[in-house]
């Protein structure tokens, strides 16, 4: 299999398959395919695990927020092409699991993969991270030795963390991380920041060693801007303008 990522802000992923090569992707992400490609919809991840095994895999995917079914694409010619597209403006990134190890990602980050990739659910280790971490208690674990492709809204930024090095990010900005990265939440600093800073009450704390992938435009921000553009009011915007200005006058700038 060979791949090519097309475009800049609204990317597509082109996969060139040899005879007998097979990939699978989330339902509804196909852009086009050439002659000689057989498409099928199966439960789970398309593995030959029997009816019960495929059912259990499909249920785990559904619990994690993904679909019960995936679509498989197999080439019956010497060269075939399948092109996937993301459901929202953003970036697509290839990950070789043989090099990165297992990847923990948000529920809708997975786009497609070579056959042989396992998708399982993983629970956050801390109660607070599950309640306030932005992704809930259940994330997805991608494991195996194959290439997988994840996507996110906006630009995808990789950040490498050394042992015990940490960063704090907006909960909605976290897309994926290697499985050695520690994941927790903390309260945002300062009452005024929490109430009127526009960044929410909590921040996600990521501690190395490992690599994390962040998206520059969480879907929550995008939907908020679209609401404003249609004549609505962004959540908390009046409070930010009036209350924030009042507190700045009382307490000064932080």
Protein backbone atom coordinates (compact mmCIF):
# COMPACT_ATOMS: atom_id res chain seq x y z
CA UNK A 1 0.00 0.00 0.00
CA UNK A 2 1.12 3.52 -0.85
CA UNK A 3 -0.54 6.69 0.36
CA UNK A 4 -0.72 10.34 -0.62
CA UNK A 5 -2.34 13.16 1.35
CA UNK A 6 -4.01 15.64 -0.98
CA UNK A 7 -4.86 19.28 -0.33
CA UNK A 8 -4.11 21.64 2.51
CA UNK A 9 -7.03 22.90 4.62
CA UNK A 10 -9.60 20.29 3.53
CA UNK A 11 -7.53 17.20 2.91
CA UNK A 12 -8.20 13.86 1.25
CA UNK A 13 -6.26 10.61 1.60
CA UNK A 14 -5.43 8.57 -1.51
CA UNK A 15 -4.46 4.91 -1.00
CA UNK A 16 -2.96 2.89 -3.85
CA UNK A 17 -3.55 -0.84 -3.36
CA UNK A 18 -1.93 -3.83 -5.01
CA UNK A 19 -3.80 -7.02 -5.86
CA UNK A 20 -5.20 -8.58 -2.67
CA UNK A 21 -4.44 -5.60 -0.47
CA UNK A 22 -7.26 -4.48 1.79
CA UNK A 23 -8.03 -1.48 3.97
CA UNK A 24 -10.97 -0.42 6.11
CA UNK A 25 -12.38 2.94 7.10
CA UNK A 26 -15.17 4.60 8.98
CA UNK A 27 -18.51 4.40 7.21
CA UNK A 28 -19.29 7.51 5.19
CA UNK A 29 -15.68 8.65 4.59
CA UNK A 30 -15.27 7.34 1.00
CA UNK A 31 -14.66 9.99 -1.66
CA UNK A 32 -14.15 7.70 -4.67
CA UNK A 33 -12.59 4.40 -5.76
CA UNK A 34 -11.39 3.01 -9.07
CA UNK A 35 -12.54 -0.11 -10.94
CA UNK A 36 -11.26 -3.35 -9.50
CA UNK A 37 -11.99 -2.37 -5.90
CA UNK A 38 -14.53 -4.44 -4.00
CA UNK A 39 -16.35 -2.59 -1.24
CA UNK A 40 -18.14 -4.28 1.64
CA UNK A 41 -19.68 -3.22 4.95
CA UNK A 42 -18.85 -5.42 7.92
CA UNK A 43 -19.18 -5.39 11.67
CA UNK A 44 -16.18 -4.64 13.84
CA UNK A 45 -12.94 -3.97 11.98
CA UNK A 46 -13.26 -6.42 9.12
CA UNK A 47 -11.07 -9.09 10.72
CA UNK A 48 -11.84 -12.77 10.28
CA UNK A 49 -12.78 -13.22 13.94
CA UNK A 50 -16.04 -15.10 13.52
CA UNK A 51 -19.53 -13.79 14.12
CA UNK A 52 -19.16 -13.45 17.90
CA UNK A 53 -15.72 -11.84 17.69
CA UNK A 54 -16.85 -9.34 15.07
CA UNK A 55 -19.97 -8.56 17.10
CA UNK A 56 -17.95 -7.88 20.25
CA UNK A 57 -15.51 -5.68 18.33
CA UNK A 58 -18.39 -3.77 16.77
CA UNK A 59 -20.04 -3.25 20.16
CA UNK A 60 -16.78 -1.95 21.63
CA UNK A 61 -16.46 0.49 18.75
CA UNK A 62 -20.04 1.65 19.28
CA UNK A 63 -19.42 2.11 23.02
CA UNK A 64 -16.40 4.29 22.23
CA UNK A 65 -18.58 6.54 20.07
CA UNK A 66 -17.60 5.14 16.65
CA UNK A 67 -19.88 3.21 14.33
CA UNK A 68 -20.86 -0.42 14.76
CA UNK A 69 -19.82 -1.09 11.15
CA UNK A 70 -16.81 -0.25 8.99
CA UNK A 71 -16.39 -0.32 5.23
CA UNK A 72 -13.69 -2.54 3.71
CA UNK A 73 -11.99 -2.02 0.34
CA UNK A 74 -10.06 -4.80 -1.41
CA UNK A 75 -8.22 -4.52 -4.72
CA UNK A 76 -8.64 -7.28 -7.30
CA UNK A 77 -6.29 -5.63 -9.80
CA UNK A 78 -2.58 -4.95 -9.84
CA UNK A 79 -3.30 -1.35 -8.98
CA UNK A 80 -6.42 0.15 -7.45
CA UNK A 81 -7.13 3.40 -5.70
CA UNK A 82 -9.38 4.38 -2.80
CA UNK A 83 -9.70 8.00 -1.69
CA UNK A 84 -11.09 9.03 1.71
CA UNK A 85 -12.09 12.49 2.87
CA UNK A 86 -12.55 13.99 6.32
CA UNK A 87 -16.06 15.07 7.39
CA UNK A 88 -14.82 18.52 8.44
CA UNK A 89 -12.00 20.95 7.51
CA UNK A 90 -8.75 19.76 8.95
CA UNK A 91 -5.65 17.63 8.58
CA UNK A 92 -4.93 13.94 8.08
CA UNK A 93 -1.82 12.35 9.58
CA UNK A 94 -0.32 8.88 8.93
CA UNK A 95 0.92 6.83 11.88
CA UNK A 96 2.98 3.66 11.63
CA UNK A 97 1.99 1.69 14.72
CA UNK A 98 5.08 -0.49 14.35
CA UNK A 99 7.09 2.64 15.21
CA UNK A 100 4.79 4.58 17.53
CA UNK A 101 3.31 1.72 19.52
CA UNK A 102 -0.32 1.89 20.59
CA UNK A 103 -2.14 5.18 20.02
CA UNK A 104 -4.92 6.46 22.31
CA UNK A 105 -7.25 8.80 20.45
CA UNK A 106 -10.54 10.63 20.77
CA UNK A 107 -13.69 8.91 19.58
CA UNK A 108 -13.92 10.37 16.08
CA UNK A 109 -10.21 10.70 15.22
CA UNK A 110 -9.85 7.38 13.35
CA UNK A 111 -10.24 7.67 9.56
CA UNK A 112 -8.95 4.41 8.04
CA UNK A 113 -6.26 1.76 8.31
CA UNK A 114 -4.61 -1.23 6.74
CA UNK A 115 -6.19 -4.53 7.69
CA UNK A 116 -4.72 -6.01 10.86
CA UNK A 117 -5.22 -2.95 13.05
CA UNK A 118 -7.16 -3.53 16.27
CA UNK A 119 -9.48 -0.86 17.63
CA UNK A 120 -10.39 -1.30 21.28
CA UNK A 121 -11.83 0.88 23.99
CA UNK A 122 -9.76 2.27 26.83
CA UNK A 123 -11.03 3.94 29.96
CA UNK A 124 -9.53 7.09 31.42
CA UNK A 125 -7.54 6.34 34.56
CA UNK A 126 -8.99 9.11 36.70
CA UNK A 127 -12.54 10.07 37.57
CA UNK A 128 -11.94 13.79 37.02
CA UNK A 129 -10.49 13.23 33.56
CA UNK A 130 -13.56 11.23 32.61
CA UNK A 131 -16.01 13.86 33.80
CA UNK A 132 -14.21 16.99 32.66
CA UNK A 133 -11.49 15.94 30.22
CA UNK A 134 -13.53 16.70 27.11
CA UNK A 135 -13.63 13.13 25.77
CA UNK A 136 -15.54 11.33 28.51
CA UNK A 137 -14.49 8.08 30.15
CA UNK A 138 -14.03 6.05 26.97
CA UNK A 139 -11.34 6.61 24.33
CA UNK A 140 -10.10 4.42 21.47
CA UNK A 141 -6.90 2.37 21.43
CA UNK A 142 -5.33 1.67 18.03
CA UNK A 143 -2.85 -1.20 18.12
CA UNK A 144 -0.99 -3.46 15.72
CA UNK A 145 1.89 -3.17 13.24
CA UNK A 146 0.12 -1.37 10.41
CA UNK A 147 -0.41 2.15 9.13
CA UNK A 148 -3.41 4.03 10.50
CA UNK A 149 -4.66 7.47 9.52
CA UNK A 150 -6.26 9.89 11.95
CA UNK A 151 -7.83 13.26 11.26
CA UNK A 152 -8.73 16.36 13.23
CA UNK A 153 -10.29 19.78 12.84
CA UNK A 154 -7.89 22.58 11.92
CA UNK A 155 -4.17 21.81 11.91
CA UNK A 156 -2.69 18.79 13.69
CA UNK A 157 0.29 19.68 15.87
CA UNK A 158 2.59 16.93 17.23
CA UNK A 159 4.26 17.69 20.56
CA UNK A 160 7.02 15.47 21.95
CA UNK A 161 7.23 15.27 25.74
CA UNK A 162 10.28 14.13 27.66
CA UNK A 163 9.96 12.08 30.84
CA UNK A 164 8.02 14.10 33.47
CA UNK A 165 7.63 17.03 31.06
CA UNK A 166 4.04 18.28 30.99
CA UNK A 167 1.79 20.67 29.10
CA UNK A 168 -1.72 21.97 29.79
CA UNK A 169 -4.14 22.15 26.88
CA UNK A 170 -7.77 22.93 26.22
CA UNK A 171 -9.66 19.63 26.65
CA UNK A 172 -11.17 19.81 23.17
CA UNK A 173 -7.76 20.23 21.51
CA UNK A 174 -6.46 16.77 22.39
CA UNK A 175 -6.71 14.35 19.44
CA UNK A 176 -4.35 11.48 20.21
CA UNK A 177 -1.34 10.41 22.27
CA UNK A 178 1.02 7.48 22.62
CA UNK A 179 -0.03 5.14 25.40
CA UNK A 180 2.80 6.11 27.81
CA UNK A 181 1.51 9.68 28.13
CA UNK A 182 -0.26 10.36 31.44
CA UNK A 183 -3.65 12.09 31.09
CA UNK A 184 -5.39 14.12 33.79
CA UNK A 185 -7.31 17.38 34.33
CA UNK A 186 -6.74 20.43 36.51
CA UNK A 187 -8.77 23.48 37.37
CA UNK A 188 -7.92 26.56 35.32
CA UNK A 189 -5.82 29.03 37.34
CA UNK A 190 -7.75 31.82 39.06
CA UNK A 191 -11.46 32.34 39.68
CA UNK A 192 -11.65 35.17 37.16
CA UNK A 193 -9.99 33.05 34.48
CA UNK A 194 -12.39 30.18 35.12
CA UNK A 195 -15.48 32.39 35.07
CA UNK A 196 -14.68 34.89 32.35
CA UNK A 197 -11.59 33.76 30.48
CA UNK A 198 -13.55 31.88 27.85
CA UNK A 199 -11.37 28.76 28.25
CA UNK A 200 -13.62 26.81 30.60
CA UNK A 201 -13.12 25.58 34.15
CA UNK A 202 -10.70 22.76 33.35
CA UNK A 203 -7.51 22.10 31.43
CA UNK A 204 -6.10 18.78 30.29
CA UNK A 205 -2.67 17.97 31.70
CA UNK A 206 -0.46 15.71 29.58
CA UNK A 207 2.78 14.36 31.05
CA UNK A 208 5.51 12.51 29.15
CA UNK A 209 7.29 10.57 28.00
CA UNK A 210 5.56 10.29 24.66
CA UNK A 211 4.00 12.22 21.81
CA UNK A 212 0.65 13.99 21.74
CA UNK A 213 -1.31 15.35 18.78
CA UNK A 214 -3.32 18.53 19.20
CA UNK A 215 -5.93 20.10 16.92
CA UNK A 216 -6.04 23.86 16.50
CA UNK A 217 -9.81 24.09 15.96
CA UNK A 218 -11.95 21.90 18.24
CA UNK A 219 -15.41 21.20 16.84
CA UNK A 220 -16.95 22.95 19.85
CA UNK A 221 -15.24 26.21 18.85
CA UNK A 222 -16.22 25.78 15.22
CA UNK A 223 -19.88 25.15 16.05
CA UNK A 224 -19.85 28.16 18.40
CA UNK A 225 -18.56 30.43 15.62
CA UNK A 226 -21.12 29.06 13.17
CA UNK A 227 -23.86 29.81 15.70
CA UNK A 228 -22.67 33.40 15.97
CA UNK A 229 -22.51 33.69 12.19
CA UNK A 230 -26.14 32.65 11.91
CA UNK A 231 -27.26 35.38 14.30
CA UNK A 232 -27.01 33.41 17.54
CA UNK A 233 -24.93 34.23 20.58
CA UNK A 234 -21.84 32.33 21.61
CA UNK A 235 -22.09 30.71 25.01
CA UNK A 236 -20.89 33.10 27.69
CA UNK A 237 -20.09 35.95 25.31
CA UNK A 238 -22.18 38.52 27.19
CA UNK A 239 -20.71 37.45 30.51
CA UNK A 240 -17.21 37.70 29.10
CA UNK A 241 -17.76 41.22 27.81
CA UNK A 242 -19.63 42.69 30.79
CA UNK A 243 -18.47 40.64 33.78
CA UNK A 244 -14.89 40.35 32.56
CA UNK A 245 -14.59 44.09 32.14
CA UNK A 246 -16.08 44.69 35.60
CA UNK A 247 -13.68 42.30 37.30
CA UNK A 248 -10.72 43.75 35.42
CA UNK A 249 -11.68 47.13 36.84
CA UNK A 250 -11.88 45.72 40.37
CA UNK A 251 -8.97 43.30 40.45
CA UNK A 252 -6.74 44.50 37.62
CA UNK A 253 -5.26 42.30 34.91
CA UNK A 254 -3.89 38.90 35.88
